[in-house]
Amino acid sequence: MGERKLRELVALTQTLQKSELLAHIPRAVEPYLTHISERLQPPAGSALDTAVTALNPDNLSPREALEALYQLKALAGKG
């Protein structure tokens, strides 16, 4: 399954949790969703994790935000 599909599944899961519809999904599915969610997180202490943690988007100009996105993309190996 591609990373985009995994992110969509995690987003859907979060939406369902917020709307309390997740209670209708069998509990057997939860470990798989947790595994997928954990897989999408950068390893703690990685350069990407450190860069994301250091960001303060409320204090960035639009240009600075764009530059930060390009830096994060490069750190993620997608650039």
N, C-alpha and C. Protein backbone atom coordinates (compact mmCIF):
# COMPACT_ATOMS: atom_id res chain seq x y z
N MET A 1 0.86 -1.18 0.00
CA MET A 1 0.00 0.00 0.00
C MET A 1 0.90 1.23 0.00
N GLY A 2 0.61 2.19 -0.86
CA GLY A 2 1.42 3.39 -0.97
C GLY A 2 1.27 4.31 0.24
N GLU A 3 2.26 5.17 0.41
CA GLU A 3 2.25 6.09 1.54
C GLU A 3 1.04 7.01 1.50
N ARG A 4 0.64 7.43 0.31
CA ARG A 4 -0.53 8.32 0.19
C ARG A 4 -1.79 7.62 0.70
N LYS A 5 -1.97 6.35 0.31
CA LYS A 5 -3.14 5.60 0.76
C LYS A 5 -3.10 5.40 2.27
N LEU A 6 -1.89 5.15 2.81
CA LEU A 6 -1.76 4.97 4.26
C LEU A 6 -2.14 6.26 4.99
N ARG A 7 -1.68 7.39 4.45
CA ARG A 7 -2.03 8.67 5.09
C ARG A 7 -3.54 8.93 5.02
N GLU A 8 -4.15 8.56 3.90
CA GLU A 8 -5.60 8.72 3.77
C GLU A 8 -6.33 7.84 4.79
N LEU A 9 -5.83 6.62 4.97
CA LEU A 9 -6.44 5.71 5.94
C LEU A 9 -6.31 6.25 7.36
N VAL A 10 -5.14 6.79 7.69
CA VAL A 10 -4.94 7.37 9.03
C VAL A 10 -5.86 8.57 9.22
N ALA A 11 -5.97 9.42 8.20
CA ALA A 11 -6.85 10.60 8.29
C ALA A 11 -8.30 10.16 8.48
N LEU A 12 -8.71 9.14 7.74
CA LEU A 12 -10.07 8.63 7.88
C LEU A 12 -10.29 8.08 9.29
N THR A 13 -9.31 7.37 9.80
CA THR A 13 -9.41 6.82 11.15
C THR A 13 -9.56 7.94 12.18
N GLN A 14 -8.76 9.00 12.03
CA GLN A 14 -8.85 10.12 12.96
C GLN A 14 -10.22 10.79 12.87
N THR A 15 -10.75 10.92 11.67
CA THR A 15 -12.08 11.50 11.49
C THR A 15 -13.13 10.63 12.17
N LEU A 16 -13.01 9.33 11.98
CA LEU A 16 -13.96 8.41 12.58
C LEU A 16 -13.89 8.47 14.11
N GLN A 17 -12.66 8.57 14.63
CA GLN A 17 -12.51 8.65 16.08
C GLN A 17 -13.20 9.91 16.62
N LYS A 18 -13.04 11.01 15.91
CA LYS A 18 -13.65 12.25 16.35
C LYS A 18 -15.17 12.18 16.30
N SER A 19 -15.70 11.45 15.34
CA SER A 19 -17.14 11.39 15.20
C SER A 19 -17.74 10.20 15.96
N GLU A 20 -16.89 9.49 16.67
CA GLU A 20 -17.30 8.34 17.48
C GLU A 20 -17.88 7.20 16.66
N LEU A 21 -17.66 7.20 15.36
CA LEU A 21 -18.12 6.10 14.53
C LEU A 21 -17.19 4.90 14.63
N LEU A 22 -15.98 5.13 15.14
CA LEU A 22 -15.01 4.05 15.24
C LEU A 22 -15.50 2.94 16.17
N ALA A 23 -16.41 3.27 17.06
CA ALA A 23 -16.94 2.26 17.98
C ALA A 23 -17.63 1.13 17.23
N HIS A 24 -18.02 1.38 15.99
CA HIS A 24 -18.71 0.37 15.20
C HIS A 24 -17.76 -0.52 14.42
N ILE A 25 -16.47 -0.19 14.42
CA ILE A 25 -15.47 -1.02 13.75
C ILE A 25 -14.97 -2.05 14.76
N PRO A 26 -14.88 -3.30 14.37
CA PRO A 26 -14.43 -4.33 15.31
C PRO A 26 -13.08 -3.99 15.91
N ARG A 27 -12.90 -4.30 17.16
CA ARG A 27 -11.66 -4.01 17.87
C ARG A 27 -10.46 -4.72 17.25
N ALA A 28 -10.69 -5.76 16.49
CA ALA A 28 -9.60 -6.50 15.86
C ALA A 28 -8.86 -5.65 14.83
N VAL A 29 -9.49 -4.61 14.33
CA VAL A 29 -8.88 -3.76 13.31
C VAL A 29 -7.91 -2.75 13.94
N GLU A 30 -8.12 -2.39 15.18
CA GLU A 30 -7.33 -1.34 15.82
C GLU A 30 -5.82 -1.56 15.77
N PRO A 31 -5.31 -2.78 16.03
CA PRO A 31 -3.85 -2.94 15.97
C PRO A 31 -3.27 -2.62 14.59
N TYR A 32 -4.00 -2.93 13.55
CA TYR A 32 -3.53 -2.63 12.21
C TYR A 32 -3.48 -1.13 11.96
N LEU A 33 -4.50 -0.43 12.43
CA LEU A 33 -4.53 1.02 12.26
C LEU A 33 -3.42 1.68 13.07
N THR A 34 -3.16 1.17 14.26
CA THR A 34 -2.07 1.69 15.09
C THR A 34 -0.74 1.47 14.40
N HIS A 35 -0.54 0.27 13.84
CA HIS A 35 0.70 -0.04 13.14
C HIS A 35 0.92 0.91 11.96
N ILE A 36 -0.13 1.15 11.20
CA ILE A 36 -0.04 2.04 10.05
C ILE A 36 0.30 3.45 10.50
N SER A 37 -0.36 3.92 11.54
CA SER A 37 -0.13 5.26 12.05
C SER A 37 1.32 5.41 12.53
N GLU A 38 1.83 4.42 13.25
CA GLU A 38 3.20 4.47 13.75
C GLU A 38 4.19 4.45 12.60
N ARG A 39 3.87 3.73 11.56
CA ARG A 39 4.76 3.62 10.40
C ARG A 39 4.91 4.95 9.68
N LEU A 40 3.93 5.81 9.77
CA LEU A 40 3.97 7.09 9.09
C LEU A 40 4.72 8.16 9.89
N GLN A 41 5.00 7.89 11.15
CA GLN A 41 5.68 8.85 11.99
C GLN A 41 7.18 8.77 11.75
N PRO A 42 7.88 9.92 11.66
CA PRO A 42 9.33 9.85 11.53
C PRO A 42 9.93 9.31 12.83
N PRO A 43 11.03 8.58 12.75
CA PRO A 43 11.65 8.07 13.97
C PRO A 43 12.03 9.21 14.90
N ALA A 44 11.79 9.03 16.19
CA ALA A 44 12.14 10.06 17.16
C ALA A 44 13.63 10.32 17.09
N GLY A 45 14.00 11.59 17.09
CA GLY A 45 15.40 11.95 17.04
C GLY A 45 15.96 12.04 15.63
N SER A 46 15.16 11.71 14.62
CA SER A 46 15.63 11.83 13.24
C SER A 46 15.74 13.30 12.88
N ALA A 47 16.48 13.57 11.82
CA ALA A 47 16.63 14.95 11.37
C ALA A 47 15.27 15.55 11.02
N LEU A 48 14.41 14.73 10.40
CA LEU A 48 13.08 15.22 10.03
C LEU A 48 12.26 15.53 11.27
N ASP A 49 12.28 14.63 12.24
CA ASP A 49 11.54 14.84 13.48
C ASP A 49 12.01 16.10 14.20
N THR A 50 13.32 16.29 14.25
CA THR A 50 13.89 17.46 14.91
C THR A 50 13.48 18.74 14.20
N ALA A 51 13.52 18.72 12.87
CA ALA A 51 13.15 19.91 12.09
C ALA A 51 11.67 20.26 12.26
N VAL A 52 10.82 19.23 12.26
CA VAL A 52 9.38 19.48 12.43
C VAL A 52 9.11 20.04 13.82
N THR A 53 9.75 19.47 14.81
CA THR A 53 9.55 19.93 16.19
C THR A 53 10.00 21.37 16.37
N ALA A 54 11.05 21.77 15.66
CA ALA A 54 11.59 23.12 15.80
C ALA A 54 10.75 24.17 15.09
N LEU A 55 9.88 23.75 14.19
CA LEU A 55 9.06 24.71 13.44
C LEU A 55 8.05 25.42 14.33
N ASN A 56 7.86 26.69 14.07
CA ASN A 56 6.80 27.45 14.73
C ASN A 56 6.04 28.16 13.61
N PRO A 57 5.07 27.47 12.99
CA PRO A 57 4.41 28.02 11.80
C PRO A 57 3.72 29.36 12.03
N ASP A 58 3.33 29.64 13.24
CA ASP A 58 2.65 30.91 13.50
C ASP A 58 3.59 32.11 13.34
N ASN A 59 4.89 31.85 13.43
CA ASN A 59 5.86 32.94 13.34
C ASN A 59 6.58 32.99 11.99
N LEU A 60 6.09 32.24 11.00
CA LEU A 60 6.73 32.22 9.69
C LEU A 60 5.97 33.08 8.69
N SER A 61 6.75 33.78 7.88
CA SER A 61 6.13 34.49 6.76
C SER A 61 5.76 33.44 5.71
N PRO A 62 4.93 33.79 4.74
CA PRO A 62 4.61 32.82 3.69
C PRO A 62 5.87 32.30 2.99
N ARG A 63 6.81 33.17 2.73
CA ARG A 63 8.06 32.76 2.06
C ARG A 63 8.86 31.80 2.95
N GLU A 64 8.96 32.11 4.24
CA GLU A 64 9.68 31.24 5.17
C GLU A 64 9.00 29.88 5.29
N ALA A 65 7.67 29.88 5.27
CA ALA A 65 6.93 28.62 5.35
C ALA A 65 7.20 27.76 4.12
N LEU A 66 7.24 28.38 2.95
CA LEU A 66 7.54 27.65 1.72
C LEU A 66 8.95 27.07 1.77
N GLU A 67 9.91 27.86 2.23
CA GLU A 67 11.29 27.38 2.35
C GLU A 67 11.37 26.21 3.35
N ALA A 68 10.61 26.32 4.44
CA ALA A 68 10.61 25.24 5.44
C ALA A 68 10.04 23.96 4.84
N LEU A 69 9.00 24.08 4.03
CA LEU A 69 8.43 22.90 3.38
C LEU A 69 9.45 22.22 2.47
N TYR A 70 10.18 23.02 1.71
CA TYR A 70 11.21 22.44 0.84
C TYR A 70 12.31 21.76 1.65
N GLN A 71 12.68 22.34 2.78
CA GLN A 71 13.70 21.73 3.64
C GLN A 71 13.19 20.40 4.21
N LEU A 72 11.95 20.39 4.66
CA LEU A 72 11.37 19.15 5.20
C LEU A 72 11.27 18.07 4.13
N LYS A 73 10.89 18.49 2.93
CA LYS A 73 10.81 17.54 1.82
C LYS A 73 12.17 16.93 1.53
N ALA A 74 13.19 17.74 1.55
CA ALA A 74 14.55 17.25 1.32
C ALA A 74 14.98 16.29 2.43
N LEU A 75 14.67 16.63 3.67
CA LEU A 75 15.01 15.75 4.79
C LEU A 75 14.26 14.42 4.71
N ALA A 76 13.05 14.45 4.16
CA ALA A 76 12.26 13.23 4.04
C ALA A 76 12.75 12.36 2.88
N GLY A 77 13.68 12.89 2.09
CA GLY A 77 14.21 12.14 0.97
C GLY A 77 13.33 12.16 -0.24
N LYS A 78 12.45 13.13 -0.31
CA LYS A 78 11.50 13.22 -1.42
C LYS A 78 11.83 14.38 -2.33
N GLY A 79 13.00 14.98 -2.17
CA GLY A 79 13.26 16.17 -2.91
C GLY A 79 14.37 16.06 -3.87
